[in-house]
Amino acid sequence: GGIYGVLDWEMAHLGDPLEDLGWSLNPVWNFKRNLAGGLVPDAVAIAHWEAASGLKADPAAVHWWTLFNCVKGQAIWISSARAWIDGGNREPIMVLPAWGMQNPQDRAILKVMDRL
């Protein structure tokens, strides 16, 4: 009778399982707490992921997927803003993340690249 997981299917696709781990390690999701998802240190999140998946997370691959997902996140914020500006979708949810997330996502990219 409990909730054991949440499935988010909006961007579901076949690919490297580390992509999802990298998405969760994107610094914009640490809510200024330096914790993965605002919950646990990255190393703990990776250990939980490894235990649950039975896979080993190569540190270089995790870093690459984290950076990839930072860039992917920025593309999402920019494209949602463009859809709103062009009038294709005037729902506030399309523009609010773009206003609130572009600068933090830029900073996340720089952080993952060790440039911040």
N, C-alpha and C. Protein backbone atom coordinates (compact mmCIF):
# COMPACT_ATOMS: atom_id res chain seq x y z
N GLY A 1 0.77 -1.20 0.00
CA GLY A 1 0.00 0.00 0.00
C GLY A 1 0.81 1.27 0.00
N GLY A 2 2.13 1.23 -0.24
CA GLY A 2 2.92 2.46 -0.23
C GLY A 2 3.43 2.82 -1.61
N ILE A 3 3.96 4.01 -1.73
CA ILE A 3 4.56 4.45 -2.98
C ILE A 3 6.04 4.08 -2.92
N TYR A 4 6.51 3.33 -3.92
CA TYR A 4 7.89 2.88 -3.95
C TYR A 4 8.70 3.54 -5.04
N GLY A 5 8.06 4.29 -5.90
CA GLY A 5 8.77 4.97 -6.98
C GLY A 5 7.81 5.81 -7.78
N VAL A 6 8.37 6.70 -8.54
CA VAL A 6 7.59 7.56 -9.42
C VAL A 6 8.16 7.43 -10.82
N LEU A 7 7.32 7.16 -11.78
CA LEU A 7 7.75 7.06 -13.17
C LEU A 7 7.39 8.34 -13.89
N ASP A 8 8.36 8.93 -14.55
CA ASP A 8 8.16 10.14 -15.34
C ASP A 8 8.40 9.78 -16.79
N TRP A 9 7.35 9.69 -17.55
CA TRP A 9 7.44 9.16 -18.91
C TRP A 9 7.58 10.23 -19.97
N GLU A 10 7.59 11.51 -19.64
CA GLU A 10 7.55 12.54 -20.67
C GLU A 10 8.74 12.51 -21.62
N MET A 11 9.88 12.05 -21.17
CA MET A 11 11.05 11.98 -22.05
C MET A 11 11.62 10.56 -22.10
N ALA A 12 10.77 9.56 -21.90
CA ALA A 12 11.25 8.17 -21.88
C ALA A 12 11.83 7.78 -23.23
N HIS A 13 12.97 7.09 -23.19
CA HIS A 13 13.61 6.60 -24.40
C HIS A 13 14.65 5.55 -24.00
N LEU A 14 15.06 4.78 -24.97
CA LEU A 14 16.13 3.81 -24.73
C LEU A 14 17.45 4.55 -24.70
N GLY A 15 18.34 4.13 -23.85
CA GLY A 15 19.64 4.77 -23.79
C GLY A 15 20.46 4.27 -22.61
N ASP A 16 21.53 4.95 -22.36
CA ASP A 16 22.43 4.61 -21.26
C ASP A 16 21.72 4.89 -19.93
N PRO A 17 21.67 3.93 -19.03
CA PRO A 17 21.01 4.16 -17.74
C PRO A 17 21.67 5.29 -16.94
N LEU A 18 22.93 5.58 -17.22
CA LEU A 18 23.60 6.67 -16.50
C LEU A 18 23.03 8.03 -16.86
N GLU A 19 22.31 8.12 -17.98
CA GLU A 19 21.69 9.40 -18.33
C GLU A 19 20.72 9.85 -17.24
N ASP A 20 19.92 8.92 -16.73
CA ASP A 20 18.97 9.27 -15.67
C ASP A 20 19.70 9.66 -14.39
N LEU A 21 20.76 8.95 -14.07
CA LEU A 21 21.55 9.31 -12.89
C LEU A 21 22.14 10.70 -13.07
N GLY A 22 22.69 10.98 -14.26
CA GLY A 22 23.24 12.30 -14.53
C GLY A 22 22.20 13.40 -14.42
N TRP A 23 20.96 13.11 -14.84
CA TRP A 23 19.88 14.10 -14.71
C TRP A 23 19.65 14.43 -13.23
N SER A 24 19.65 13.41 -12.40
CA SER A 24 19.39 13.64 -10.98
C SER A 24 20.55 14.35 -10.29
N LEU A 25 21.75 14.30 -10.89
CA LEU A 25 22.91 14.97 -10.30
C LEU A 25 23.11 16.38 -10.85
N ASN A 26 22.25 16.81 -11.77
CA ASN A 26 22.31 18.18 -12.29
C ASN A 26 22.21 19.14 -11.10
N PRO A 27 23.18 20.03 -10.93
CA PRO A 27 23.17 20.91 -9.75
C PRO A 27 21.91 21.77 -9.57
N VAL A 28 21.13 21.98 -10.62
CA VAL A 28 19.91 22.77 -10.42
C VAL A 28 18.91 22.04 -9.52
N TRP A 29 19.04 20.74 -9.42
CA TRP A 29 18.12 19.97 -8.58
C TRP A 29 18.61 19.82 -7.14
N ASN A 30 19.74 20.45 -6.79
CA ASN A 30 20.20 20.32 -5.41
C ASN A 30 19.65 21.43 -4.52
N PHE A 31 18.94 22.38 -5.13
CA PHE A 31 18.24 23.43 -4.39
C PHE A 31 19.16 24.16 -3.42
N LYS A 32 20.38 24.47 -3.92
CA LYS A 32 21.39 25.22 -3.18
C LYS A 32 21.84 24.53 -1.90
N ARG A 33 21.66 23.22 -1.84
CA ARG A 33 22.05 22.46 -0.65
C ARG A 33 23.26 21.57 -0.91
N ASN A 34 23.78 21.56 -2.15
CA ASN A 34 24.89 20.68 -2.54
C ASN A 34 24.60 19.22 -2.22
N LEU A 35 23.35 18.84 -2.42
CA LEU A 35 22.91 17.46 -2.22
C LEU A 35 22.11 17.04 -3.45
N ALA A 36 22.34 15.86 -3.94
CA ALA A 36 21.60 15.36 -5.10
C ALA A 36 20.10 15.39 -4.80
N GLY A 37 19.37 16.08 -5.63
CA GLY A 37 17.93 16.21 -5.41
C GLY A 37 17.59 16.94 -4.12
N GLY A 38 18.58 17.60 -3.53
CA GLY A 38 18.37 18.28 -2.26
C GLY A 38 18.29 17.31 -1.09
N LEU A 39 18.64 16.04 -1.33
CA LEU A 39 18.42 15.00 -0.31
C LEU A 39 19.69 14.40 0.27
N VAL A 40 20.61 13.96 -0.59
CA VAL A 40 21.80 13.23 -0.13
C VAL A 40 23.01 13.69 -0.94
N PRO A 41 24.21 13.51 -0.40
CA PRO A 41 25.41 13.82 -1.19
C PRO A 41 25.44 12.99 -2.47
N ASP A 42 26.09 13.53 -3.50
CA ASP A 42 26.16 12.82 -4.78
C ASP A 42 26.68 11.40 -4.62
N ALA A 43 27.73 11.22 -3.83
CA ALA A 43 28.31 9.89 -3.65
C ALA A 43 27.29 8.90 -3.08
N VAL A 44 26.46 9.37 -2.18
CA VAL A 44 25.42 8.51 -1.60
C VAL A 44 24.36 8.20 -2.65
N ALA A 45 23.96 9.20 -3.43
CA ALA A 45 22.98 8.97 -4.49
C ALA A 45 23.50 7.95 -5.49
N ILE A 46 24.77 8.08 -5.85
CA ILE A 46 25.37 7.13 -6.79
C ILE A 46 25.41 5.72 -6.18
N ALA A 47 25.77 5.62 -4.92
CA ALA A 47 25.79 4.31 -4.25
C ALA A 47 24.40 3.69 -4.22
N HIS A 48 23.37 4.48 -3.94
CA HIS A 48 22.00 3.97 -3.94
C HIS A 48 21.62 3.50 -5.35
N TRP A 49 21.99 4.29 -6.36
CA TRP A 49 21.68 3.93 -7.75
C TRP A 49 22.36 2.61 -8.11
N GLU A 50 23.64 2.47 -7.73
CA GLU A 50 24.36 1.23 -8.02
C GLU A 50 23.72 0.04 -7.33
N ALA A 51 23.34 0.21 -6.07
CA ALA A 51 22.71 -0.90 -5.33
C ALA A 51 21.37 -1.28 -5.94
N ALA A 52 20.59 -0.29 -6.35
CA ALA A 52 19.26 -0.57 -6.90
C ALA A 52 19.34 -1.13 -8.32
N SER A 53 20.31 -0.67 -9.10
CA SER A 53 20.39 -1.08 -10.50
C SER A 53 21.24 -2.33 -10.71
N GLY A 54 22.16 -2.58 -9.78
CA GLY A 54 23.10 -3.67 -9.96
C GLY A 54 24.20 -3.33 -10.95
N LEU A 55 24.28 -2.06 -11.34
CA LEU A 55 25.28 -1.59 -12.29
C LEU A 55 26.35 -0.79 -11.57
N LYS A 56 27.48 -0.61 -12.22
CA LYS A 56 28.57 0.20 -11.68
C LYS A 56 28.59 1.53 -12.42
N ALA A 57 28.65 2.62 -11.69
CA ALA A 57 28.65 3.96 -12.28
C ALA A 57 30.10 4.43 -12.45
N ASP A 58 30.61 4.37 -13.66
CA ASP A 58 31.95 4.86 -13.95
C ASP A 58 31.99 6.38 -13.71
N PRO A 59 32.91 6.87 -12.87
CA PRO A 59 32.93 8.31 -12.54
C PRO A 59 33.04 9.23 -13.76
N ALA A 60 33.85 8.87 -14.74
CA ALA A 60 33.98 9.71 -15.93
C ALA A 60 32.67 9.75 -16.72
N ALA A 61 32.01 8.60 -16.81
CA ALA A 61 30.72 8.56 -17.53
C ALA A 61 29.65 9.34 -16.77
N VAL A 62 29.64 9.22 -15.45
CA VAL A 62 28.68 9.99 -14.64
C VAL A 62 28.90 11.48 -14.85
N HIS A 63 30.16 11.90 -14.85
CA HIS A 63 30.46 13.32 -15.07
C HIS A 63 29.97 13.77 -16.44
N TRP A 64 30.24 12.96 -17.48
CA TRP A 64 29.81 13.31 -18.83
C TRP A 64 28.29 13.43 -18.89
N TRP A 65 27.57 12.44 -18.33
CA TRP A 65 26.10 12.47 -18.38
C TRP A 65 25.54 13.62 -17.54
N THR A 66 26.20 13.97 -16.47
CA THR A 66 25.74 15.11 -15.67
C THR A 66 25.86 16.39 -16.49
N LEU A 67 27.00 16.58 -17.15
CA LEU A 67 27.19 17.76 -18.00
C LEU A 67 26.21 17.73 -19.17
N PHE A 68 26.05 16.57 -19.81
CA PHE A 68 25.09 16.44 -20.90
C PHE A 68 23.70 16.90 -20.45
N ASN A 69 23.30 16.46 -19.27
CA ASN A 69 21.97 16.80 -18.78
C ASN A 69 21.85 18.25 -18.37
N CYS A 70 22.94 18.87 -17.97
CA CYS A 70 22.90 20.32 -17.72
C CYS A 70 22.62 21.07 -19.02
N VAL A 71 23.29 20.67 -20.10
CA VAL A 71 23.07 21.30 -21.40
C VAL A 71 21.65 20.98 -21.89
N LYS A 72 21.23 19.74 -21.72
CA LYS A 72 19.88 19.33 -22.11
C LYS A 72 18.83 20.14 -21.34
N GLY A 73 19.06 20.33 -20.06
CA GLY A 73 18.14 21.14 -19.26
C GLY A 73 18.04 22.55 -19.79
N GLN A 74 19.18 23.14 -20.13
CA GLN A 74 19.16 24.50 -20.68
C GLN A 74 18.37 24.54 -21.99
N ALA A 75 18.53 23.52 -22.83
CA ALA A 75 17.77 23.46 -24.08
C ALA A 75 16.27 23.38 -23.80
N ILE A 76 15.89 22.66 -22.77
CA ILE A 76 14.47 22.56 -22.40
C ILE A 76 13.93 23.93 -21.98
N TRP A 77 14.68 24.63 -21.13
CA TRP A 77 14.21 25.95 -20.66
C TRP A 77 14.11 26.93 -21.83
N ILE A 78 15.11 26.93 -22.70
CA ILE A 78 15.10 27.86 -23.83
C ILE A 78 13.98 27.53 -24.81
N SER A 79 13.79 26.24 -25.10
CA SER A 79 12.73 25.87 -26.05
C SER A 79 11.35 26.13 -25.48
N SER A 80 11.17 25.97 -24.17
CA SER A 80 9.85 26.28 -23.60
C SER A 80 9.59 27.78 -23.67
N ALA A 81 10.62 28.59 -23.44
CA ALA A 81 10.46 30.04 -23.56
C ALA A 81 10.13 30.42 -25.00
N ARG A 82 10.83 29.79 -25.95
CA ARG A 82 10.59 30.10 -27.36
C ARG A 82 9.16 29.75 -27.75
N ALA A 83 8.66 28.60 -27.28
CA ALA A 83 7.28 28.21 -27.58
C ALA A 83 6.30 29.23 -27.02
N TRP A 84 6.59 29.76 -25.85
CA TRP A 84 5.71 30.77 -25.24
C TRP A 84 5.80 32.08 -26.01
N ILE A 85 7.01 32.53 -26.32
CA ILE A 85 7.20 33.81 -27.03
C ILE A 85 6.54 33.76 -28.41
N ASP A 86 6.67 32.63 -29.09
CA ASP A 86 6.10 32.50 -30.43
C ASP A 86 4.58 32.31 -30.42
N GLY A 87 4.00 32.14 -29.24
CA GLY A 87 2.56 31.98 -29.13
C GLY A 87 2.08 30.56 -29.34
N GLY A 88 2.99 29.63 -29.51
CA GLY A 88 2.61 28.24 -29.72
C GLY A 88 2.01 27.60 -28.49
N ASN A 89 2.43 28.05 -27.34
CA ASN A 89 1.90 27.53 -26.08
C ASN A 89 1.98 28.65 -25.06
N ARG A 90 0.87 29.23 -24.71
CA ARG A 90 0.83 30.38 -23.81
C ARG A 90 0.55 29.97 -22.35
N GLU A 91 0.72 28.70 -22.05
CA GLU A 91 0.57 28.27 -20.66
C GLU A 91 1.71 28.84 -19.83
N PRO A 92 1.41 29.39 -18.66
CA PRO A 92 2.47 29.97 -17.82
C PRO A 92 3.58 28.99 -17.50
N ILE A 93 3.28 27.70 -17.42
CA ILE A 93 4.30 26.71 -17.10
C ILE A 93 5.40 26.68 -18.16
N MET A 94 5.11 27.15 -19.36
CA MET A 94 6.11 27.16 -20.42
C MET A 94 7.15 28.27 -20.23
N VAL A 95 6.75 29.39 -19.64
CA VAL A 95 7.67 30.52 -19.53
C VAL A 95 8.29 30.63 -18.14
N LEU A 96 7.60 30.19 -17.12
CA LEU A 96 8.13 30.33 -15.76
C LEU A 96 9.45 29.61 -15.55
N PRO A 97 9.62 28.36 -16.01
CA PRO A 97 10.92 27.72 -15.84
C PRO A 97 12.03 28.46 -16.60
N ALA A 98 11.71 28.98 -17.78
CA ALA A 98 12.72 29.70 -18.54
C ALA A 98 13.20 30.93 -17.78
N TRP A 99 12.29 31.67 -17.18
CA TRP A 99 12.67 32.85 -16.40
C TRP A 99 13.48 32.46 -15.18
N GLY A 100 13.06 31.40 -14.53
CA GLY A 100 13.69 31.03 -13.27
C GLY A 100 14.89 30.10 -13.38
N MET A 101 15.05 29.42 -14.52
CA MET A 101 16.06 28.36 -14.59
C MET A 101 17.25 28.65 -15.50
N GLN A 102 17.15 29.61 -16.40
CA GLN A 102 18.26 29.80 -17.34
C GLN A 102 19.56 30.19 -16.64
N ASN A 103 19.52 31.16 -15.75
CA ASN A 103 20.74 31.55 -15.04
C ASN A 103 21.25 30.43 -14.14
N PRO A 104 20.39 29.82 -13.31
CA PRO A 104 20.89 28.70 -12.50
C PRO A 104 21.44 27.55 -13.35
N GLN A 105 20.83 27.30 -14.52
CA GLN A 105 21.33 26.22 -15.36
C GLN A 105 22.69 26.58 -15.95
N ASP A 106 22.87 27.85 -16.32
CA ASP A 106 24.20 28.30 -16.78
C ASP A 106 25.24 28.06 -15.68
N ARG A 107 24.89 28.42 -14.46
CA ARG A 107 25.81 28.24 -13.34
C ARG A 107 26.07 26.75 -13.08
N ALA A 108 25.06 25.91 -13.25
CA ALA A 108 25.23 24.47 -13.08
C ALA A 108 26.21 23.91 -14.10
N ILE A 109 26.07 24.36 -15.35
CA ILE A 109 26.99 23.91 -16.40
C ILE A 109 28.42 24.29 -16.02
N LEU A 110 28.61 25.54 -15.60
CA LEU A 110 29.95 25.99 -15.22
C LEU A 110 30.47 25.21 -14.01
N LYS A 111 29.60 24.90 -13.06
CA LYS A 111 30.02 24.14 -11.88
C LYS A 111 30.49 22.75 -12.27
N VAL A 112 29.73 22.06 -13.11
CA VAL A 112 30.09 20.71 -13.52
C VAL A 112 31.39 20.73 -14.34
N MET A 113 31.63 21.83 -15.06
CA MET A 113 32.87 21.96 -15.84
C MET A 113 34.04 22.48 -15.00
N ASP A 114 33.81 22.63 -13.69
CA ASP A 114 34.83 23.19 -12.77
C ASP A 114 35.30 24.57 -13.20
N ARG A 115 34.35 25.37 -13.68
CA ARG A 115 34.66 26.74 -14.11
C ARG A 115 33.98 27.77 -13.22
N LEU A 116 33.37 27.33 -12.13
CA LEU A 116 32.67 28.25 -11.23
C LEU A 116 33.21 28.11 -9.83
